[in-house]
Amino acid sequence: MHLGDDIGGQEAQYKRRIGRWLLWRSGPATGADARYLAIDADDLSRSFAFRLFADGDGSGDGPDGVRYDRFRTWKEALRDSD
């Protein structure tokens, strides 16, 4: 998976499951650019990404159609989705 190619991130690694979503990350958890990808385990063509910047800011669309600026609320949207 080439999730972090454009940010110089390492190869994506599986992190955990949040409900029906499989969460992958390229880059470190803190202190540098990273990108997270949530893939729907029931429909592998459905996915949502969250970009986390070195300064702690971030941005990503959730499965509910809302754009999130906080990683925690993006993960909560994944958890709460059908």
PDB file of N, CA and C in Angstrom:
ATOM      1  N   MET A   1       0.856  -1.168   0.000  1.00  0.00           N
ATOM      2  CA  MET A   1       0.000   0.000   0.000  1.00  0.00           C
ATOM      3  C   MET A   1       0.906   1.235   0.000  1.00  0.00           C
ATOM      4  N   HIS A   2       0.638   2.176  -0.863  1.00  0.00           N
ATOM      5  CA  HIS A   2       1.478   3.367  -1.040  1.00  0.00           C
ATOM      6  C   HIS A   2       0.811   4.594  -0.420  1.00  0.00           C
ATOM      7  N   LEU A   3       0.371   4.469   0.771  1.00  0.00           N
ATOM      8  CA  LEU A   3      -0.389   5.501   1.471  1.00  0.00           C
ATOM      9  C   LEU A   3       0.421   6.755   1.756  1.00  0.00           C
ATOM     10  N   GLY A   4       1.720   6.624   2.023  1.00  0.00           N
ATOM     11  CA  GLY A   4       2.530   7.768   2.419  1.00  0.00           C
ATOM     12  C   GLY A   4       3.575   8.195   1.413  1.00  0.00           C
ATOM     13  N   ASP A   5       3.467   7.749   0.167  1.00  0.00           N
ATOM     14  CA  ASP A   5       4.490   8.079  -0.828  1.00  0.00           C
ATOM     15  C   ASP A   5       4.701   9.581  -0.984  1.00  0.00           C
ATOM     16  N   ASP A   6       3.633  10.357  -0.972  1.00  0.00           N
ATOM     17  CA  ASP A   6       3.754  11.803  -1.211  1.00  0.00           C
ATOM     18  C   ASP A   6       4.213  12.582   0.020  1.00  0.00           C
ATOM     19  N   ILE A   7       4.294  11.939   1.171  1.00  0.00           N
ATOM     20  CA  ILE A   7       4.742  12.639   2.387  1.00  0.00           C
ATOM     21  C   ILE A   7       6.032  12.044   2.941  1.00  0.00           C
ATOM     22  N   GLY A   8       6.643  11.156   2.187  1.00  0.00           N
ATOM     23  CA  GLY A   8       7.884  10.535   2.643  1.00  0.00           C
ATOM     24  C   GLY A   8       7.684   9.536   3.759  1.00  0.00           C
ATOM     25  N   GLY A   9       6.466   9.060   3.887  1.00  0.00           N
ATOM     26  CA  GLY A   9       6.152   8.114   4.956  1.00  0.00           C
ATOM     27  C   GLY A   9       6.581   6.704   4.619  1.00  0.00           C
ATOM     28  N   GLN A  10       6.700   5.910   5.640  1.00  0.00           N
ATOM     29  CA  GLN A  10       7.055   4.508   5.466  1.00  0.00           C
ATOM     30  C   GLN A  10       5.869   3.734   4.902  1.00  0.00           C
ATOM     31  N   GLU A  11       6.105   2.490   4.563  1.00  0.00           N
ATOM     32  CA  GLU A  11       5.043   1.628   4.077  1.00  0.00           C
ATOM     33  C   GLU A  11       3.920   1.577   5.113  1.00  0.00           C
ATOM     34  N   ALA A  12       2.689   1.587   4.634  1.00  0.00           N
ATOM     35  CA  ALA A  12       1.541   1.587   5.538  1.00  0.00           C
ATOM     36  C   ALA A  12       1.497   0.307   6.361  1.00  0.00           C
ATOM     37  N   GLN A  13       1.089   0.462   7.607  1.00  0.00           N
ATOM     38  CA  GLN A  13       0.967  -0.675   8.515  1.00  0.00           C
ATOM     39  C   GLN A  13      -0.439  -0.704   9.104  1.00  0.00           C
ATOM     40  N   TYR A  14      -0.970  -1.919   9.239  1.00  0.00           N
ATOM     41  CA  TYR A  14      -2.269  -2.091   9.868  1.00  0.00           C
ATOM     42  C   TYR A  14      -2.142  -1.759  11.351  1.00  0.00           C
ATOM     43  N   LYS A  15      -3.078  -0.959  11.864  1.00  0.00           N
ATOM     44  CA  LYS A  15      -3.035  -0.559  13.273  1.00  0.00           C
ATOM     45  C   LYS A  15      -4.112  -1.236  14.113  1.00  0.00           C
ATOM     46  N   ARG A  16      -5.368  -1.136  13.677  1.00  0.00           N
ATOM     47  CA  ARG A  16      -6.433  -1.749  14.467  1.00  0.00           C
ATOM     48  C   ARG A  16      -7.748  -1.674  13.720  1.00  0.00           C
ATOM     49  N   ARG A  17      -8.756  -2.273  14.303  1.00  0.00           N
ATOM     50  CA  ARG A  17     -10.098  -2.237  13.746  1.00  0.00           C
ATOM     51  C   ARG A  17     -10.948  -1.306  14.597  1.00  0.00           C
ATOM     52  N   ILE A  18     -11.740  -0.467  13.933  1.00  0.00           N
ATOM     53  CA  ILE A  18     -12.710   0.400  14.604  1.00  0.00           C
ATOM     54  C   ILE A  18     -14.062   0.044  14.004  1.00  0.00           C
ATOM     55  N   GLY A  19     -14.834  -0.766  14.717  1.00  0.00           N
ATOM     56  CA  GLY A  19     -16.104  -1.241  14.162  1.00  0.00           C
ATOM     57  C   GLY A  19     -15.843  -2.027  12.892  1.00  0.00           C
ATOM     58  N   ARG A  20     -16.459  -1.605  11.800  1.00  0.00           N
ATOM     59  CA  ARG A  20     -16.284  -2.286  10.515  1.00  0.00           C
ATOM     60  C   ARG A  20     -15.057  -1.807   9.750  1.00  0.00           C
ATOM     61  N   TRP A  21     -14.334  -0.826  10.282  1.00  0.00           N
ATOM     62  CA  TRP A  21     -13.228  -0.174   9.584  1.00  0.00           C
ATOM     63  C   TRP A  21     -11.873  -0.748   9.976  1.00  0.00           C
ATOM     64  N   LEU A  22     -11.023  -1.006   8.977  1.00  0.00           N
ATOM     65  CA  LEU A  22      -9.647  -1.445   9.181  1.00  0.00           C
ATOM     66  C   LEU A  22      -8.763  -0.213   9.056  1.00  0.00           C
ATOM     67  N   LEU A  23      -8.031   0.125  10.103  1.00  0.00           N
ATOM     68  CA  LEU A  23      -7.258   1.364  10.151  1.00  0.00           C
ATOM     69  C   LEU A  23      -5.787   1.090   9.850  1.00  0.00           C
ATOM     70  N   TRP A  24      -5.256   1.809   8.856  1.00  0.00           N
ATOM     71  CA  TRP A  24      -3.862   1.713   8.432  1.00  0.00           C
ATOM     72  C   TRP A  24      -3.198   3.066   8.624  1.00  0.00           C
ATOM     73  N   ARG A  25      -1.870   3.073   8.844  1.00  0.00           N
ATOM     74  CA  ARG A  25      -1.141   4.337   8.993  1.00  0.00           C
ATOM     75  C   ARG A  25       0.191   4.260   8.258  1.00  0.00           C
ATOM     76  N   SER A  26       0.525   5.369   7.612  1.00  0.00           N
ATOM     77  CA  SER A  26       1.860   5.552   7.059  1.00  0.00           C
ATOM     78  C   SER A  26       2.452   6.768   7.742  1.00  0.00           C
ATOM     79  N   GLY A  27       3.636   6.624   8.296  1.00  0.00           N
ATOM     80  CA  GLY A  27       4.271   7.699   9.051  1.00  0.00           C
ATOM     81  C   GLY A  27       4.128   7.449  10.540  1.00  0.00           C
ATOM     82  N   PRO A  28       4.814   8.252  11.347  1.00  0.00           N
ATOM     83  CA  PRO A  28       4.785   8.073  12.801  1.00  0.00           C
ATOM     84  C   PRO A  28       3.476   8.571  13.420  1.00  0.00           C
ATOM     85  N   ALA A  29       3.193   8.125  14.624  1.00  0.00           N
ATOM     86  CA  ALA A  29       1.967   8.526  15.314  1.00  0.00           C
ATOM     87  C   ALA A  29       1.989   9.999  15.718  1.00  0.00           C
ATOM     88  N   THR A  30       3.156  10.544  16.021  1.00  0.00           N
ATOM     89  CA  THR A  30       3.277  11.953  16.417  1.00  0.00           C
ATOM     90  C   THR A  30       4.586  12.532  15.899  1.00  0.00           C
ATOM     91  N   GLY A  31       4.625  13.854  15.807  1.00  0.00           N
ATOM     92  CA  GLY A  31       5.868  14.560  15.531  1.00  0.00           C
ATOM     93  C   GLY A  31       6.288  14.664  14.085  1.00  0.00           C
ATOM     94  N   ALA A  32       5.519  14.112  13.164  1.00  0.00           N
ATOM     95  CA  ALA A  32       5.855  14.198  11.740  1.00  0.00           C
ATOM     96  C   ALA A  32       4.585  13.950  10.929  1.00  0.00           C
ATOM     97  N   ASP A  33       4.670  14.185   9.623  1.00  0.00           N
ATOM     98  CA  ASP A  33       3.517  13.954   8.757  1.00  0.00           C
ATOM     99  C   ASP A  33       3.144  12.477   8.738  1.00  0.00           C
ATOM    100  N   ALA A  34       1.835  12.224   8.734  1.00  0.00           N
ATOM    101  CA  ALA A  34       1.320  10.858   8.659  1.00  0.00           C
ATOM    102  C   ALA A  34      -0.019  10.884   7.931  1.00  0.00           C
ATOM    103  N   ARG A  35      -0.401   9.749   7.422  1.00  0.00           N
ATOM    104  CA  ARG A  35      -1.722   9.615   6.813  1.00  0.00           C
ATOM    105  C   ARG A  35      -2.333   8.314   7.310  1.00  0.00           C
ATOM    106  N   TYR A  36      -3.591   8.404   7.684  1.00  0.00           N
ATOM    107  CA  TYR A  36      -4.361   7.242   8.113  1.00  0.00           C
ATOM    108  C   TYR A  36      -5.380   6.925   7.031  1.00  0.00           C
ATOM    109  N   LEU A  37      -5.653   5.661   6.855  1.00  0.00           N
ATOM    110  CA  LEU A  37      -6.657   5.220   5.908  1.00  0.00           C
ATOM    111  C   LEU A  37      -7.545   4.202   6.601  1.00  0.00           C
ATOM    112  N   ALA A  38      -8.848   4.440   6.546  1.00  0.00           N
ATOM    113  CA  ALA A  38      -9.830   3.502   7.086  1.00  0.00           C
ATOM    114  C   ALA A  38     -10.519   2.836   5.903  1.00  0.00           C
ATOM    115  N   ILE A  39     -10.456   1.516   5.856  1.00  0.00           N
ATOM    116  CA  ILE A  39     -11.057   0.741   4.776  1.00  0.00           C
ATOM    117  C   ILE A  39     -12.213  -0.065   5.349  1.00  0.00           C
ATOM    118  N   ASP A  40     -13.357   0.018   4.683  1.00  0.00           N
ATOM    119  CA  ASP A  40     -14.548  -0.714   5.105  1.00  0.00           C
ATOM    120  C   ASP A  40     -14.321  -2.212   4.872  1.00  0.00           C
ATOM    121  N   ALA A  41     -14.316  -2.992   5.937  1.00  0.00           N
ATOM    122  CA  ALA A  41     -14.055  -4.431   5.823  1.00  0.00           C
ATOM    123  C   ALA A  41     -15.146  -5.155   5.036  1.00  0.00           C
ATOM    124  N   ASP A  42     -16.351  -4.571   4.960  1.00  0.00           N
ATOM    125  CA  ASP A  42     -17.454  -5.191   4.229  1.00  0.00           C
ATOM    126  C   ASP A  42     -17.528  -4.740   2.778  1.00  0.00           C
ATOM    127  N   ASP A  43     -16.812  -3.671   2.431  1.00  0.00           N
ATOM    128  CA  ASP A  43     -16.794  -3.128   1.065  1.00  0.00           C
ATOM    129  C   ASP A  43     -15.428  -2.486   0.845  1.00  0.00           C
ATOM    130  N   LEU A  44     -14.473  -3.259   0.353  1.00  0.00           N
ATOM    131  CA  LEU A  44     -13.087  -2.797   0.249  1.00  0.00           C
ATOM    132  C   LEU A  44     -12.903  -1.621  -0.707  1.00  0.00           C
ATOM    133  N   SER A  45     -13.924  -1.303  -1.503  1.00  0.00           N
ATOM    134  CA  SER A  45     -13.832  -0.143  -2.392  1.00  0.00           C
ATOM    135  C   SER A  45     -14.159   1.160  -1.658  1.00  0.00           C
ATOM    136  N   ARG A  46     -14.603   1.063  -0.416  1.00  0.00           N
ATOM    137  CA  ARG A  46     -14.998   2.238   0.378  1.00  0.00           C
ATOM    138  C   ARG A  46     -13.921   2.539   1.418  1.00  0.00           C
ATOM    139  N   SER A  47     -13.373   3.762   1.344  1.00  0.00           N
ATOM    140  CA  SER A  47     -12.315   4.137   2.288  1.00  0.00           C
ATOM    141  C   SER A  47     -12.329   5.641   2.531  1.00  0.00           C
ATOM    142  N   PHE A  48     -11.718   6.033   3.651  1.00  0.00           N
ATOM    143  CA  PHE A  48     -11.604   7.438   4.032  1.00  0.00           C
ATOM    144  C   PHE A  48     -10.227   7.675   4.616  1.00  0.00           C
ATOM    145  N   ALA A  49      -9.629   8.810   4.247  1.00  0.00           N
ATOM    146  CA  ALA A  49      -8.268   9.123   4.692  1.00  0.00           C
ATOM    147  C   ALA A  49      -8.272  10.333   5.616  1.00  0.00           C
ATOM    148  N   PHE A  50      -7.309  10.343   6.528  1.00  0.00           N
ATOM    149  CA  PHE A  50      -7.088  11.482   7.423  1.00  0.00           C
ATOM    150  C   PHE A  50      -5.613  11.818   7.374  1.00  0.00           C
ATOM    151  N   ARG A  51      -5.293  13.066   7.057  1.00  0.00           N
ATOM    152  CA  ARG A  51      -3.898  13.531   6.999  1.00  0.00           C
ATOM    153  C   ARG A  51      -3.571  14.234   8.305  1.00  0.00           C
ATOM    154  N   LEU A  52      -2.519  13.787   8.971  1.00  0.00           N
ATOM    155  CA  LEU A  52      -2.070  14.378  10.228  1.00  0.00           C
ATOM    156  C   LEU A  52      -0.725  15.044   9.981  1.00  0.00           C
ATOM    157  N   PHE A  53      -0.625  16.330  10.300  1.00  0.00           N
ATOM    158  CA  PHE A  53       0.589  17.102  10.068  1.00  0.00           C
ATOM    159  C   PHE A  53       1.478  17.093  11.310  1.00  0.00           C
ATOM    160  N   ALA A  54       2.734  17.427  11.110  1.00  0.00           N
ATOM    161  CA  ALA A  54       3.720  17.393  12.196  1.00  0.00           C
ATOM    162  C   ALA A  54       3.329  18.285  13.370  1.00  0.00           C
ATOM    163  N   ASP A  55       2.629  19.390  13.094  1.00  0.00           N
ATOM    164  CA  ASP A  55       2.248  20.317  14.164  1.00  0.00           C
ATOM    165  C   ASP A  55       0.993  19.875  14.918  1.00  0.00           C
ATOM    166  N   GLY A  56       0.428  18.730  14.541  1.00  0.00           N
ATOM    167  CA  GLY A  56      -0.751  18.215  15.226  1.00  0.00           C
ATOM    168  C   GLY A  56      -2.059  18.536  14.535  1.00  0.00           C
ATOM    169  N   ASP A  57      -2.031  19.461  13.565  1.00  0.00           N
ATOM    170  CA  ASP A  57      -3.238  19.743  12.792  1.00  0.00           C
ATOM    171  C   ASP A  57      -3.534  18.563  11.878  1.00  0.00           C
ATOM    172  N   GLY A  58      -4.781  18.481  11.426  1.00  0.00           N
ATOM    173  CA  GLY A  58      -5.137  17.396  10.535  1.00  0.00           C
ATOM    174  C   GLY A  58      -6.403  17.702   9.773  1.00  0.00           C
ATOM    175  N   SER A  59      -6.728  16.823   8.826  1.00  0.00           N
ATOM    176  CA  SER A  59      -7.918  17.007   8.020  1.00  0.00           C
ATOM    177  C   SER A  59      -8.280  15.698   7.335  1.00  0.00           C
ATOM    178  N   GLY A  60      -9.577  15.399   7.334  1.00  0.00           N
ATOM    179  CA  GLY A  60     -10.040  14.211   6.632  1.00  0.00           C
ATOM    180  C   GLY A  60     -11.549  14.114   6.634  1.00  0.00           C
ATOM    181  N   ASP A  61     -12.085  13.534   5.579  1.00  0.00           N
ATOM    182  CA  ASP A  61     -13.520  13.324   5.473  1.00  0.00           C
ATOM    183  C   ASP A  61     -13.905  12.034   6.176  1.00  0.00           C
ATOM    184  N   GLY A  62     -15.052  12.071   6.844  1.00  0.00           N
ATOM    185  CA  GLY A  62     -15.563  10.891   7.522  1.00  0.00           C
ATOM    186  C   GLY A  62     -16.649  10.222   6.710  1.00  0.00           C
ATOM    187  N   PRO A  63     -17.074   9.034   7.107  1.00  0.00           N
ATOM    188  CA  PRO A  63     -18.111   8.305   6.382  1.00  0.00           C
ATOM    189  C   PRO A  63     -19.477   8.983   6.441  1.00  0.00           C
ATOM    190  N   ASP A  64     -19.625   9.952   7.322  1.00  0.00           N
ATOM    191  CA  ASP A  64     -20.878  10.700   7.441  1.00  0.00           C
ATOM    192  C   ASP A  64     -20.904  11.940   6.552  1.00  0.00           C
ATOM    193  N   GLY A  65     -19.856  12.153   5.737  1.00  0.00           N
ATOM    194  CA  GLY A  65     -19.807  13.299   4.834  1.00  0.00           C
ATOM    195  C   GLY A  65     -19.267  14.569   5.457  1.00  0.00           C
ATOM    196  N   VAL A  66     -18.856  14.520   6.711  1.00  0.00           N
ATOM    197  CA  VAL A  66     -18.325  15.682   7.428  1.00  0.00           C
ATOM    198  C   VAL A  66     -16.806  15.696   7.299  1.00  0.00           C
ATOM    199  N   ARG A  67     -16.221  16.899   7.133  1.00  0.00           N
ATOM    200  CA  ARG A  67     -14.761  17.046   7.137  1.00  0.00           C
ATOM    201  C   ARG A  67     -14.327  17.317   8.573  1.00  0.00           C
ATOM    202  N   TYR A  68     -13.378  16.516   9.047  1.00  0.00           N
ATOM    203  CA  TYR A  68     -12.895  16.607  10.425  1.00  0.00           C
ATOM    204  C   TYR A  68     -11.500  17.210  10.474  1.00  0.00           C
ATOM    205  N   ASP A  69     -11.253  18.013  11.517  1.00  0.00           N
ATOM    206  CA  ASP A  69      -9.942  18.617  11.751  1.00  0.00           C
ATOM    207  C   ASP A  69      -9.218  17.951  12.916  1.00  0.00           C
ATOM    208  N   ARG A  70      -9.918  17.127  13.656  1.00  0.00           N
ATOM    209  CA  ARG A  70      -9.318  16.422  14.804  1.00  0.00           C
ATOM    210  C   ARG A  70      -9.370  14.919  14.550  1.00  0.00           C
ATOM    211  N   PHE A  71      -8.245  14.260  14.760  1.00  0.00           N
ATOM    212  CA  PHE A  71      -8.149  12.822  14.525  1.00  0.00           C
ATOM    213  C   PHE A  71      -9.135  12.054  15.402  1.00  0.00           C
ATOM    214  N   ARG A  72      -9.268  12.470  16.647  1.00  0.00           N
ATOM    215  CA  ARG A  72     -10.174  11.773  17.573  1.00  0.00           C
ATOM    216  C   ARG A  72     -11.616  11.793  17.062  1.00  0.00           C
ATOM    217  N   THR A  73     -12.093  12.942  16.591  1.00  0.00           N
ATOM    218  CA  THR A  73     -13.482  13.015  16.130  1.00  0.00           C
ATOM    219  C   THR A  73     -13.666  12.249  14.816  1.00  0.00           C
ATOM    220  N   TRP A  74     -12.618  12.195  13.982  1.00  0.00           N
ATOM    221  CA  TRP A  74     -12.667  11.388  12.758  1.00  0.00           C
ATOM    222  C   TRP A  74     -12.829   9.906  13.127  1.00  0.00           C
ATOM    223  N   LYS A  75     -12.058   9.436  14.109  1.00  0.00           N
ATOM    224  CA  LYS A  75     -12.175   8.044  14.556  1.00  0.00           C
ATOM    225  C   LYS A  75     -13.546   7.778  15.178  1.00  0.00           C
ATOM    226  N   GLU A  76     -14.086   8.748  15.902  1.00  0.00           N
ATOM    227  CA  GLU A  76     -15.419   8.576  16.487  1.00  0.00           C
ATOM    228  C   GLU A  76     -16.473   8.452  15.393  1.00  0.00           C
ATOM    229  N   ALA A  77     -16.309   9.210  14.304  1.00  0.00           N
ATOM    230  CA  ALA A  77     -17.236   9.107  13.172  1.00  0.00           C
ATOM    231  C   ALA A  77     -17.160   7.720  12.534  1.00  0.00           C
ATOM    232  N   LEU A  78     -15.960   7.165  12.450  1.00  0.00           N
ATOM    233  CA  LEU A  78     -15.822   5.793  11.944  1.00  0.00           C
ATOM    234  C   LEU A  78     -16.563   4.823  12.861  1.00  0.00           C
ATOM    235  N   ARG A  79     -16.331   4.941  14.142  1.00  0.00           N
ATOM    236  CA  ARG A  79     -16.954   4.059  15.132  1.00  0.00           C
ATOM    237  C   ARG A  79     -18.477   4.122  15.065  1.00  0.00           C
ATOM    238  N   ASP A  80     -19.011   5.324  14.869  1.00  0.00           N
ATOM    239  CA  ASP A  80     -20.454   5.526  14.926  1.00  0.00           C
ATOM    240  C   ASP A  80     -21.169   5.294  13.598  1.00  0.00           C
ATOM    241  N   SER A  81     -20.427   5.021  12.535  1.00  0.00           N
ATOM    242  CA  SER A  81     -21.056   4.848  11.220  1.00  0.00           C
ATOM    243  C   SER A  81     -21.696   3.468  11.107  1.00  0.00           C
ATOM    244  N   ASP A  82     -22.658   3.375  10.206  1.00  0.00           N
ATOM    245  CA  ASP A  82     -23.343   2.085   9.964  1.00  0.00           C
ATOM    246  C   ASP A  82     -22.521   1.212   9.054  1.00  0.00           C
TER     247      ASP A  82
END
